[in-house]
C-alpha atoms as a PDB file:
ATOM      1  CA  MET A   1      -8.014  29.210 -67.583  1.00  0.00           C
ATOM      2  CA  LEU A   2      -8.491  26.522 -70.276  1.00  0.00           C
ATOM      3  CA  TYR A   3      -6.259  24.138 -68.298  1.00  0.00           C
ATOM      4  CA  ILE A   4      -8.416  24.540 -65.143  1.00  0.00           C
ATOM      5  CA  VAL A   5     -11.552  23.923 -67.156  1.00  0.00           C
ATOM      6  CA  GLU A   6     -10.015  20.813 -68.666  1.00  0.00           C
ATOM      7  CA  MET A   7      -8.921  19.563 -65.321  1.00  0.00           C
ATOM      8  CA  PHE A   8     -12.309  20.156 -63.743  1.00  0.00           C
ATOM      9  CA  SER A   9     -13.903  18.434 -66.694  1.00  0.00           C
ATOM     10  CA  ASP A  10     -11.652  15.398 -66.260  1.00  0.00           C
ATOM     11  CA  MET A  11     -12.416  15.220 -62.594  1.00  0.00           C
ATOM     12  CA  VAL A  12     -16.135  15.361 -63.161  1.00  0.00           C
ATOM     13  CA  GLY A  13     -15.756  12.689 -65.826  1.00  0.00           C
ATOM     14  CA  ASP A  14     -13.850  10.431 -63.430  1.00  0.00           C
ATOM     15  CA  ILE A  15     -16.509  10.906 -60.819  1.00  0.00           C
ATOM     16  CA  ILE A  16     -19.314  10.133 -63.231  1.00  0.00           C
ATOM     17  CA  ALA A  17     -17.377   7.032 -64.459  1.00  0.00           C
ATOM     18  CA  ALA A  18     -16.915   5.878 -60.828  1.00  0.00           C
ATOM     19  CA  ILE A  19     -20.621   6.160 -59.969  1.00  0.00           C
ATOM     20  CA  PRO A  20     -21.655   2.777 -61.279  1.00  0.00           C
ATOM     21  CA  SER A  21     -18.804   1.109 -59.363  1.00  0.00           C
ATOM     22  CA  VAL A  22     -19.643   2.988 -56.210  1.00  0.00           C
ATOM     23  CA  LEU A  23     -23.350   2.137 -56.562  1.00  0.00           C
ATOM     24  CA  ALA A  24     -22.496  -1.507 -57.229  1.00  0.00           C
ATOM     25  CA  ALA A  25     -20.188  -1.688 -54.186  1.00  0.00           C
ATOM     26  CA  ILE A  26     -22.907  -0.177 -51.934  1.00  0.00           C
ATOM     27  CA  ILE A  27     -25.496  -2.665 -53.259  1.00  0.00           C
ATOM     28  CA  VAL A  28     -23.067  -5.581 -52.716  1.00  0.00           C
ATOM     29  CA  ILE A  29     -22.478  -4.425 -49.126  1.00  0.00           C
ATOM     30  CA  LEU A  30     -26.199  -4.012 -48.401  1.00  0.00           C
ATOM     31  CA  ILE A  31     -27.045  -7.341 -49.907  1.00  0.00           C
ATOM     32  CA  GLY A  32     -24.245  -9.002 -48.050  1.00  0.00           C
ATOM     33  CA  TYR A  33     -25.368  -7.412 -44.782  1.00  0.00           C
ATOM     34  CA  ALA A  34     -28.964  -8.566 -45.373  1.00  0.00           C
ATOM     35  CA  ILE A  35     -27.890 -12.070 -46.168  1.00  0.00           C
ATOM     36  CA  GLY A  36     -25.673 -12.052 -43.114  1.00  0.00           C
ATOM     37  CA  ILE A  37     -28.563 -11.055 -40.892  1.00  0.00           C
ATOM     38  CA  VAL A  38     -30.839 -13.792 -42.351  1.00  0.00           C
ATOM     39  CA  VAL A  39     -28.156 -16.526 -42.230  1.00  0.00           C
ATOM     40  CA  GLY A  40     -26.898 -15.386 -38.800  1.00  0.00           C
ATOM     41  CA  ASN A  41     -30.397 -15.586 -37.348  1.00  0.00           C
ATOM     42  CA  ALA A  42     -30.936 -19.004 -38.940  1.00  0.00           C
ATOM     43  CA  VAL A  43     -27.649 -20.342 -37.441  1.00  0.00           C
ATOM     44  CA  ASN A  44     -28.637 -18.804 -34.098  1.00  0.00           C
ATOM     45  CA  LYS A  45     -31.901 -20.759 -34.091  1.00  0.00           C
ATOM     46  CA  LEU A  46     -30.220 -23.933 -35.307  1.00  0.00           C
ATOM     47  CA  VAL A  47     -27.736 -23.856 -32.433  1.00  0.00           C
ATOM     48  CA  GLU A  48     -30.536 -23.411 -29.985  1.00  0.00           C
ATOM     49  CA  LYS A  49     -32.575 -26.262 -31.368  1.00  0.00           C
ATOM     50  CA  LEU A  50     -29.686 -28.697 -31.595  1.00  0.00           C
ATOM     51  CA  GLY A  51     -29.002 -28.249 -27.874  1.00  0.00           C
ATOM     52  CA  ILE A  52     -25.356 -27.321 -28.414  1.00  0.00           C
ATOM     53  CA  GLU A  53     -25.728 -24.318 -26.237  1.00  0.00           C
ATOM     54  CA  ARG A  54     -26.998 -26.298 -23.160  1.00  0.00           C
ATOM     55  CA  ASN A  55     -23.866 -28.529 -23.344  1.00  0.00           C
ATOM     56  CA  PHE A  56     -21.583 -25.578 -23.890  1.00  0.00           C
ATOM     57  CA  ASP A  57     -23.005 -23.703 -20.858  1.00  0.00           C
ATOM     58  CA  LYS A  58     -21.746 -26.606 -18.639  1.00  0.00           C
ATOM     59  CA  THR A  59     -18.171 -25.978 -19.616  1.00  0.00           C
ATOM     60  CA  THR A  60     -15.796 -23.527 -17.995  1.00  0.00           C
ATOM     61  CA  THR A  61     -15.726 -21.387 -21.156  1.00  0.00           C
ATOM     62  CA  GLY A  62     -19.554 -21.460 -21.233  1.00  0.00           C
ATOM     63  CA  GLN A  63     -19.710 -20.231 -17.642  1.00  0.00           C
ATOM     64  CA  SER A  64     -17.377 -17.386 -18.660  1.00  0.00           C
ATOM     65  CA  PHE A  65     -19.634 -16.575 -21.537  1.00  0.00           C
ATOM     66  CA  LYS A  66     -22.678 -16.435 -19.261  1.00  0.00           C
ATOM     67  CA  ASN A  67     -20.849 -14.255 -16.722  1.00  0.00           C
ATOM     68  CA  ALA A  68     -19.996 -11.869 -19.563  1.00  0.00           C
ATOM     69  CA  GLY A  69     -23.633 -11.696 -20.636  1.00  0.00           C
ATOM     70  CA  LEU A  70     -23.061 -13.701 -23.812  1.00  0.00           C
ATOM     71  CA  ASP A  71     -24.545 -16.922 -25.097  1.00  0.00           C
ATOM     72  CA  LEU A  72     -23.199 -19.336 -27.692  1.00  0.00           C
ATOM     73  CA  SER A  73     -26.090 -19.132 -30.152  1.00  0.00           C
ATOM     74  CA  ASN A  74     -25.914 -15.357 -30.409  1.00  0.00           C
ATOM     75  CA  PHE A  75     -22.190 -15.433 -30.710  1.00  0.00           C
ATOM     76  CA  ILE A  76     -22.136 -17.988 -33.522  1.00  0.00           C
ATOM     77  CA  GLY A  77     -24.956 -16.098 -35.259  1.00  0.00           C
ATOM     78  CA  GLY A  78     -23.030 -12.846 -34.914  1.00  0.00           C
ATOM     79  CA  VAL A  79     -19.823 -14.438 -36.213  1.00  0.00           C
ATOM     80  CA  THR A  80     -21.677 -15.832 -39.211  1.00  0.00           C
ATOM     81  CA  LYS A  81     -23.237 -12.450 -39.960  1.00  0.00           C
ATOM     82  CA  ALA A  82     -19.779 -10.812 -39.573  1.00  0.00           C
ATOM     83  CA  PHE A  83     -18.128 -13.352 -41.850  1.00  0.00           C
ATOM     84  CA  ILE A  84     -20.720 -12.798 -44.643  1.00  0.00           C
ATOM     85  CA  THR A  85     -20.475  -9.067 -44.297  1.00  0.00           C
ATOM     86  CA  ILE A  86     -16.705  -9.184 -44.441  1.00  0.00           C
ATOM     87  CA  LEU A  87     -16.900 -11.231 -47.738  1.00  0.00           C
ATOM     88  CA  ALA A  88     -19.288  -8.528 -49.067  1.00  0.00           C
ATOM     89  CA  ILE A  89     -16.898  -5.753 -48.101  1.00  0.00           C
ATOM     90  CA  ILE A  90     -13.964  -7.530 -49.778  1.00  0.00           C
ATOM     91  CA  LEU A  91     -16.001  -7.977 -52.967  1.00  0.00           C
ATOM     92  CA  ALA A  92     -17.106  -4.285 -52.796  1.00  0.00           C
ATOM     93  CA  ILE A  93     -13.488  -3.144 -52.536  1.00  0.00           C
ATOM     94  CA  GLN A  94     -12.566  -5.284 -55.547  1.00  0.00           C
ATOM     95  CA  ILE A  95     -15.480  -3.744 -57.452  1.00  0.00           C
ATOM     96  CA  LEU A  96     -14.326  -0.279 -56.673  1.00  0.00           C
ATOM     97  CA  ASN A  97     -10.817  -1.075 -57.789  1.00  0.00           C
ATOM     98  CA  VAL A  98      -9.380   1.984 -56.035  1.00  0.00           C
ATOM     99  CA  GLY A  99      -5.809   2.742 -56.954  1.00  0.00           C
ATOM    100  CA  GLY A 100      -2.995   4.506 -55.163  1.00  0.00           C
ATOM    101  CA  THR A 101      -2.222   4.571 -51.460  1.00  0.00           C
ATOM    102  CA  ILE A 102      -5.881   4.532 -50.395  1.00  0.00           C
ATOM    103  CA  GLY A 103      -6.605   1.517 -52.558  1.00  0.00           C
ATOM    104  CA  THR A 104      -3.557  -0.317 -51.032  1.00  0.00           C
ATOM    105  CA  TYR A 105      -4.754   0.439 -47.470  1.00  0.00           C
ATOM    106  CA  LEU A 106      -8.298  -0.750 -48.322  1.00  0.00           C
ATOM    107  CA  THR A 107      -6.930  -3.910 -49.943  1.00  0.00           C
ATOM    108  CA  THR A 108      -4.736  -4.557 -46.850  1.00  0.00           C
ATOM    109  CA  ILE A 109      -7.628  -4.038 -44.467  1.00  0.00           C
ATOM    110  CA  ALA A 110      -9.906  -6.251 -46.541  1.00  0.00           C
ATOM    111  CA  ASP A 111      -7.288  -8.991 -46.588  1.00  0.00           C
ATOM    112  CA  TYR A 112      -6.687  -8.764 -42.821  1.00  0.00           C
ATOM    113  CA  LEU A 113     -10.354  -8.944 -41.744  1.00  0.00           C
ATOM    114  CA  PRO A 114     -10.670 -12.717 -42.419  1.00  0.00           C
ATOM    115  CA  ARG A 115      -7.540 -13.227 -40.330  1.00  0.00           C
ATOM    116  CA  LEU A 116      -8.910 -11.192 -37.480  1.00  0.00           C
ATOM    117  CA  LEU A 117     -12.239 -13.128 -37.536  1.00  0.00           C
ATOM    118  CA  GLY A 118     -10.353 -16.434 -37.831  1.00  0.00           C
ATOM    119  CA  GLY A 119      -8.192 -15.573 -34.822  1.00  0.00           C
ATOM    120  CA  ILE A 120     -11.195 -14.729 -32.617  1.00  0.00           C
ATOM    121  CA  LEU A 121     -12.934 -17.897 -33.661  1.00  0.00           C
ATOM    122  CA  LEU A 122      -9.782 -19.946 -33.003  1.00  0.00           C
ATOM    123  CA  ILE A 123      -9.520 -18.482 -29.488  1.00  0.00           C
ATOM    124  CA  VAL A 124     -13.192 -19.114 -28.676  1.00  0.00           C
ATOM    125  CA  PHE A 125     -13.555 -22.577 -30.039  1.00  0.00           C
ATOM    126  CA  GLY A 126      -9.985 -23.465 -29.122  1.00  0.00           C
ATOM    127  CA  THR A 127     -10.641 -22.784 -25.467  1.00  0.00           C
ATOM    128  CA  VAL A 128     -13.846 -24.884 -25.719  1.00  0.00           C
ATOM    129  CA  LEU A 129     -11.847 -27.737 -27.100  1.00  0.00           C
ATOM    130  CA  VAL A 130      -9.143 -27.207 -24.432  1.00  0.00           C
ATOM    131  CA  ASP A 131     -11.673 -27.343 -21.716  1.00  0.00           C
ATOM    132  CA  PHE A 132     -13.142 -30.554 -23.091  1.00  0.00           C
ATOM    133  CA  LEU A 133      -9.758 -32.191 -23.529  1.00  0.00           C
ATOM    134  CA  SER A 134      -8.409 -31.255 -20.165  1.00  0.00           C
ATOM    135  CA  SER A 135     -11.545 -32.350 -18.361  1.00  0.00           C
ATOM    136  CA  PHE A 136     -11.566 -35.617 -20.288  1.00  0.00           C
ATOM    137  CA  ILE A 137      -7.937 -36.370 -19.551  1.00  0.00           C
ATOM    138  CA  GLY A 138      -8.456 -35.305 -15.935  1.00  0.00           C
ATOM    139  CA  ARG A 139     -11.206 -37.814 -15.576  1.00  0.00           C
ATOM    140  CA  MET A 140      -8.997 -40.431 -17.116  1.00  0.00           C
ATOM    141  CA  ILE A 141      -6.086 -39.909 -14.762  1.00  0.00           C
ATOM    142  CA  LYS A 142      -8.072 -39.512 -11.578  1.00  0.00           C
ATOM    143  CA  PRO A 143      -8.316 -43.316 -10.979  1.00  0.00           C
ATOM    144  CA  MET A 144      -4.550 -43.513 -11.117  1.00  0.00           C
ATOM    145  CA  PHE A 145      -4.274 -41.660  -7.838  1.00  0.00           C
ATOM    146  CA  PRO A 146      -5.560 -42.653  -4.404  1.00  0.00           C
ATOM    147  CA  GLU A 147      -8.521 -40.710  -2.927  1.00  0.00           C
ATOM    148  CA  ALA A 148      -6.160 -38.770  -0.652  1.00  0.00           C
ATOM    149  CA  LYS A 149      -4.075 -37.628  -3.649  1.00  0.00           C
ATOM    150  CA  ILE A 150      -6.865 -36.540  -5.901  1.00  0.00           C
ATOM    151  CA  GLU A 151      -5.600 -32.956  -5.917  1.00  0.00           C
ATOM    152  CA  ILE A 152      -2.596 -34.162  -7.910  1.00  0.00           C
ATOM    153  CA  ALA A 153      -4.859 -35.189 -10.760  1.00  0.00           C
ATOM    154  CA  ASP A 154      -6.546 -31.829 -10.570  1.00  0.00           C
ATOM    155  CA  MET A 155      -3.218 -30.094 -10.628  1.00  0.00           C
ATOM    156  CA  LEU A 156      -2.124 -32.018 -13.678  1.00  0.00           C
ATOM    157  CA  LYS A 157      -5.361 -31.224 -15.408  1.00  0.00           C
ATOM    158  CA  ASN A 158      -4.948 -27.530 -14.654  1.00  0.00           C
ATOM    159  CA  LEU A 159      -1.338 -27.661 -15.980  1.00  0.00           C
ATOM    160  CA  LEU A 160      -2.580 -29.304 -19.199  1.00  0.00           C
ATOM    161  CA  MET A 161      -5.259 -26.686 -19.589  1.00  0.00           C
ATOM    162  CA  ILE A 162      -2.751 -23.848 -19.078  1.00  0.00           C
ATOM    163  CA  GLY A 163      -0.376 -25.263 -21.657  1.00  0.00           C
ATOM    164  CA  LEU A 164      -3.125 -25.867 -24.205  1.00  0.00           C
ATOM    165  CA  VAL A 165      -4.587 -22.460 -23.776  1.00  0.00           C
ATOM    166  CA  ALA A 166      -1.147 -20.952 -24.338  1.00  0.00           C
ATOM    167  CA  PHE A 167      -0.826 -23.047 -27.503  1.00  0.00           C
ATOM    168  CA  VAL A 168      -4.274 -21.867 -28.797  1.00  0.00           C
ATOM    169  CA  LEU A 169      -3.338 -18.266 -28.046  1.00  0.00           C
ATOM    170  CA  ALA A 170      -0.064 -18.606 -29.888  1.00  0.00           C
ATOM    171  CA  LEU A 171      -1.797 -20.049 -32.956  1.00  0.00           C
ATOM    172  CA  ALA A 172      -4.511 -17.337 -32.960  1.00  0.00           C
ATOM    173  CA  LEU A 173      -2.008 -14.583 -32.564  1.00  0.00           C
ATOM    174  CA  ASP A 174       0.065 -15.998 -35.448  1.00  0.00           C
ATOM    175  CA  LEU A 175      -3.116 -16.151 -37.549  1.00  0.00           C
ATOM    176  CA  MET A 176      -3.863 -12.534 -36.744  1.00  0.00           C
ATOM    177  CA  LEU A 177      -0.216 -11.543 -37.476  1.00  0.00           C
ATOM    178  CA  LEU A 178       0.159 -10.288 -33.895  1.00  0.00           C
ATOM    179  CA  SER A 179       2.963 -12.628 -32.889  1.00  0.00           C
ATOM    180  CA  GLY A 180       6.420 -11.300 -32.192  1.00  0.00           C
ATOM    181  CA  ASP A 181       9.108 -10.642 -29.704  1.00  0.00           C
ATOM    182  CA  LEU A 182       6.698  -9.027 -27.280  1.00  0.00           C
ATOM    183  CA  ILE A 183       3.848 -11.512 -27.477  1.00  0.00           C
ATOM    184  CA  TYR A 184       5.653 -14.841 -26.925  1.00  0.00           C
ATOM    185  CA  PRO A 185       7.427 -13.756 -23.739  1.00  0.00           C
ATOM    186  CA  LEU A 186       4.113 -12.490 -22.425  1.00  0.00           C
ATOM    187  CA  ILE A 187       2.456 -15.827 -23.081  1.00  0.00           C
ATOM    188  CA  ILE A 188       5.377 -17.650 -21.529  1.00  0.00           C
ATOM    189  CA  GLY A 189       5.364 -15.431 -18.521  1.00  0.00           C
ATOM    190  CA  PHE A 190       1.662 -15.976 -17.808  1.00  0.00           C
ATOM    191  CA  VAL A 191       2.125 -19.736 -18.363  1.00  0.00           C
ATOM    192  CA  ILE A 192       4.933 -19.811 -15.792  1.00  0.00           C
ATOM    193  CA  ILE A 193       2.822 -17.856 -13.252  1.00  0.00           C
ATOM    194  CA  GLY A 194      -0.358 -19.882 -13.868  1.00  0.00           C
ATOM    195  CA  ALA A 195       1.520 -23.239 -13.746  1.00  0.00           C
ATOM    196  CA  GLY A 196       3.438 -22.114 -10.646  1.00  0.00           C
ATOM    197  CA  ILE A 197       0.297 -21.226  -8.774  1.00  0.00           C
ATOM    198  CA  SER A 198      -1.348 -24.512  -9.733  1.00  0.00           C
ATOM    199  CA  LEU A 199       1.748 -26.502  -8.734  1.00  0.00           C
ATOM    200  CA  THR A 200       2.058 -24.640  -5.488  1.00  0.00           C
ATOM    201  CA  ASP A 201      -1.551 -25.209  -4.448  1.00  0.00           C
ATOM    202  CA  GLY A 202      -1.420 -28.920  -5.387  1.00  0.00           C
ATOM    203  CA  LEU A 203       1.914 -29.542  -3.650  1.00  0.00           C
ATOM    204  CA  ILE A 204       1.177 -27.598  -0.419  1.00  0.00           C
ATOM    205  CA  LYS A 205      -2.171 -29.394  -0.051  1.00  0.00           C
ATOM    206  CA  SER A 206      -0.530 -32.767  -0.625  1.00  0.00           C
ATOM    207  CA  ILE A 207       2.175 -32.069   1.910  1.00  0.00           C
ATOM    208  CA  ASN A 208      -0.351 -30.781   4.488  1.00  0.00           C
ATOM    209  CA  ASP A 209      -2.385 -33.978   4.095  1.00  0.00           C
ATOM    210  CA  ASP A 210       0.661 -36.151   4.703  1.00  0.00           C
ATOM    211  CA  HIS A 211       2.454 -34.047   7.305  1.00  0.00           C
ATOM    212  CA  ALA A 212       0.146 -32.224   9.736  1.00  0.00           C
ATOM    213  CA  GLU A 213       3.126 -30.602  11.428  1.00  0.00           C
ATOM    214  CA  PHE A 214       3.764 -28.683   8.192  1.00  0.00           C
ATOM    215  CA  LYS A 215       0.449 -26.746   8.458  1.00  0.00           C
ATOM    216  CA  GLY A 216       2.052 -24.130  10.645  1.00  0.00           C
ATOM    217  CA  VAL A 217       4.332 -22.975   7.866  1.00  0.00           C
ATOM    218  CA  ALA A 218       2.185 -23.877   4.870  1.00  0.00           C
ATOM    219  CA  GLY A 219       1.057 -20.304   4.393  1.00  0.00           C
ATOM    220  CA  TYR A 220       4.602 -19.087   4.502  1.00  0.00           C
ATOM    221  CA  ALA A 221       5.696 -21.761   1.986  1.00  0.00           C
ATOM    222  CA  LYS A 222       2.887 -20.908  -0.281  1.00  0.00           C
ATOM    223  CA  PHE A 223       3.752 -17.233  -0.185  1.00  0.00           C
ATOM    224  CA  VAL A 224       7.374 -17.996  -0.948  1.00  0.00           C
ATOM    225  CA  LEU A 225       6.597 -20.294  -3.917  1.00  0.00           C
ATOM    226  CA  TYR A 226       3.972 -17.831  -5.256  1.00  0.00           C
ATOM    227  CA  SER A 227       6.528 -15.060  -5.076  1.00  0.00           C
ATOM    228  CA  ILE A 228       9.171 -17.165  -6.796  1.00  0.00           C
ATOM    229  CA  PHE A 229       6.960 -18.027  -9.702  1.00  0.00           C
ATOM    230  CA  LEU A 230       5.671 -14.375  -9.972  1.00  0.00           C
ATOM    231  CA  ILE A 231       9.291 -13.115 -10.168  1.00  0.00           C
ATOM    232  CA  ILE A 232      10.245 -15.760 -12.791  1.00  0.00           C
ATOM    233  CA  GLY A 233       7.081 -15.042 -14.761  1.00  0.00           C
ATOM    234  CA  ALA A 234       7.706 -11.297 -14.627  1.00  0.00           C
ATOM    235  CA  GLY A 235      11.269 -11.917 -15.753  1.00  0.00           C
ATOM    236  CA  ALA A 236       9.963 -13.841 -18.803  1.00  0.00           C
ATOM    237  CA  ILE A 237       7.386 -11.184 -19.632  1.00  0.00           C
ATOM    238  CA  PHE A 238       9.839  -8.295 -19.548  1.00  0.00           C
ATOM    239  CA  ALA A 239      12.847 -10.202 -20.866  1.00  0.00           C
ATOM    240  CA  THR A 240      12.820  -8.338 -24.191  1.00  0.00           C
ATOM    241  CA  PHE A 241      12.993  -4.940 -22.519  1.00  0.00           C
ATOM    242  CA  PRO A 242      16.565  -3.761 -22.087  1.00  0.00           C
ATOM    243  CA  GLY A 243      17.650  -3.270 -18.444  1.00  0.00           C
ATOM    244  CA  VAL A 244      14.551  -4.831 -16.987  1.00  0.00           C
ATOM    245  CA  THR A 245      16.146  -8.192 -16.460  1.00  0.00           C
ATOM    246  CA  THR A 246      18.859  -6.663 -14.339  1.00  0.00           C
ATOM    247  CA  ILE A 247      16.262  -4.894 -12.206  1.00  0.00           C
ATOM    248  CA  ILE A 248      14.302  -8.085 -11.686  1.00  0.00           C
ATOM    249  CA  ALA A 249      17.517  -9.891 -10.798  1.00  0.00           C
ATOM    250  CA  ASN A 250      18.304  -7.330  -8.112  1.00  0.00           C
ATOM    251  CA  VAL A 251      14.708  -7.476  -6.767  1.00  0.00           C
ATOM    252  CA  SER A 252      15.043 -11.290  -6.647  1.00  0.00           C
ATOM    253  CA  TRP A 253      18.218 -11.065  -4.573  1.00  0.00           C
ATOM    254  CA  ALA A 254      16.625  -8.609  -2.232  1.00  0.00           C
ATOM    255  CA  PHE A 255      13.531 -10.773  -1.914  1.00  0.00           C
ATOM    256  CA  ALA A 256      15.607 -13.830  -1.245  1.00  0.00           C
ATOM    257  CA  ILE A 257      17.507 -12.116   1.604  1.00  0.00           C
ATOM    258  CA  ALA A 258      14.267 -10.833   3.029  1.00  0.00           C
ATOM    259  CA  LEU A 259      12.744 -14.322   2.946  1.00  0.00           C
ATOM    260  CA  ALA A 260      15.837 -15.775   4.518  1.00  0.00           C
ATOM    261  CA  ILE A 261      15.581 -13.342   7.383  1.00  0.00           C
ATOM    262  CA  MET A 262      11.916 -14.065   7.782  1.00  0.00           C
ATOM    263  CA  LEU A 263      12.713 -17.803   7.875  1.00  0.00           C
ATOM    264  CA  ILE A 264      14.814 -17.548  10.965  1.00  0.00           C
ATOM    265  CA  PRO A 265      12.036 -17.150  13.607  1.00  0.00           C
ATOM    266  CA  ILE A 266       9.968 -19.694  11.788  1.00  0.00           C
ATOM    267  CA  ALA A 267      12.752 -22.279  11.815  1.00  0.00           C
ATOM    268  CA  TYR A 268      13.371 -21.490  15.481  1.00  0.00           C
ATOM    269  CA  ALA A 269       9.740 -22.021  16.358  1.00  0.00           C
ATOM    270  CA  MET A 270       9.564 -25.266  14.465  1.00  0.00           C
ATOM    271  CA  ALA A 271      12.775 -26.550  16.066  1.00  0.00           C
ATOM    272  CA  LYS A 272      11.443 -25.604  19.494  1.00  0.00           C
ATOM    273  CA  LYS A 273       8.192 -27.371  18.820  1.00  0.00           C
ATOM    274  CA  MET A 274       9.866 -30.480  17.537  1.00  0.00           C
ATOM    275  CA  SER A 275      12.175 -30.623  20.596  1.00  0.00           C
ATOM    276  CA  LYS A 276       9.128 -30.422  22.907  1.00  0.00           C
ATOM    277  CA  GLU A 277       7.422 -33.263  21.049  1.00  0.00           C
ATOM    278  CA  THR A 278      10.490 -35.501  21.379  1.00  0.00           C
END
């Protein structure tokens, strides 16, 4: 009985001793949250007055923001508020000085929050920079091509944008500690698919402009190229899964045979048309 009383007394003593730290941590979080609101609103107004938002809305990323019901000033203000609040939470956890497993988890979460916020910021502002760079370089290379081949410049610009977006995503995921054997193949696969679609559109349009007789099979050619890049991209995405590569290889063979069979009547029709023209 005496042991239970002593244990209860020690527990009450620990709780009483922890009250100042808990109160201090709560006060720090509340103050940090209040400061975050004030500073976030100030940054929001500053972005609006500087006209940054108007220029941002003209970019592709800005249009995506508007379609999602977001605007740059509110986003930057919210990020500023979140950053200050995160700093307050980290400081509060340090004040609490919680030990044991719970303390380790809290410290790990507190250490990860800046990485998460930094990754999100890197993705958002990185895509803005990518849009600016690709548009700028696209305008630079357009004069290098004749008017009839302007789609090649657009294709190169799109390829550059796809590559830079993939680079930004890789950096952001590394920062957020989310990179790994599953993430990189996913990025590579989507890059292959996106680049393949862009290449296909540009090449087919260029060939159609130069060779009007090709228009009859342009749709078929586009379908074939789309399918090839989709299969390659899917193979890259699922490359780390055991057995999937073999399945994709078998599907590719079946698809190739089907396309070859489909090509026979098209080749016959084209040959017949060419013989009539000659």
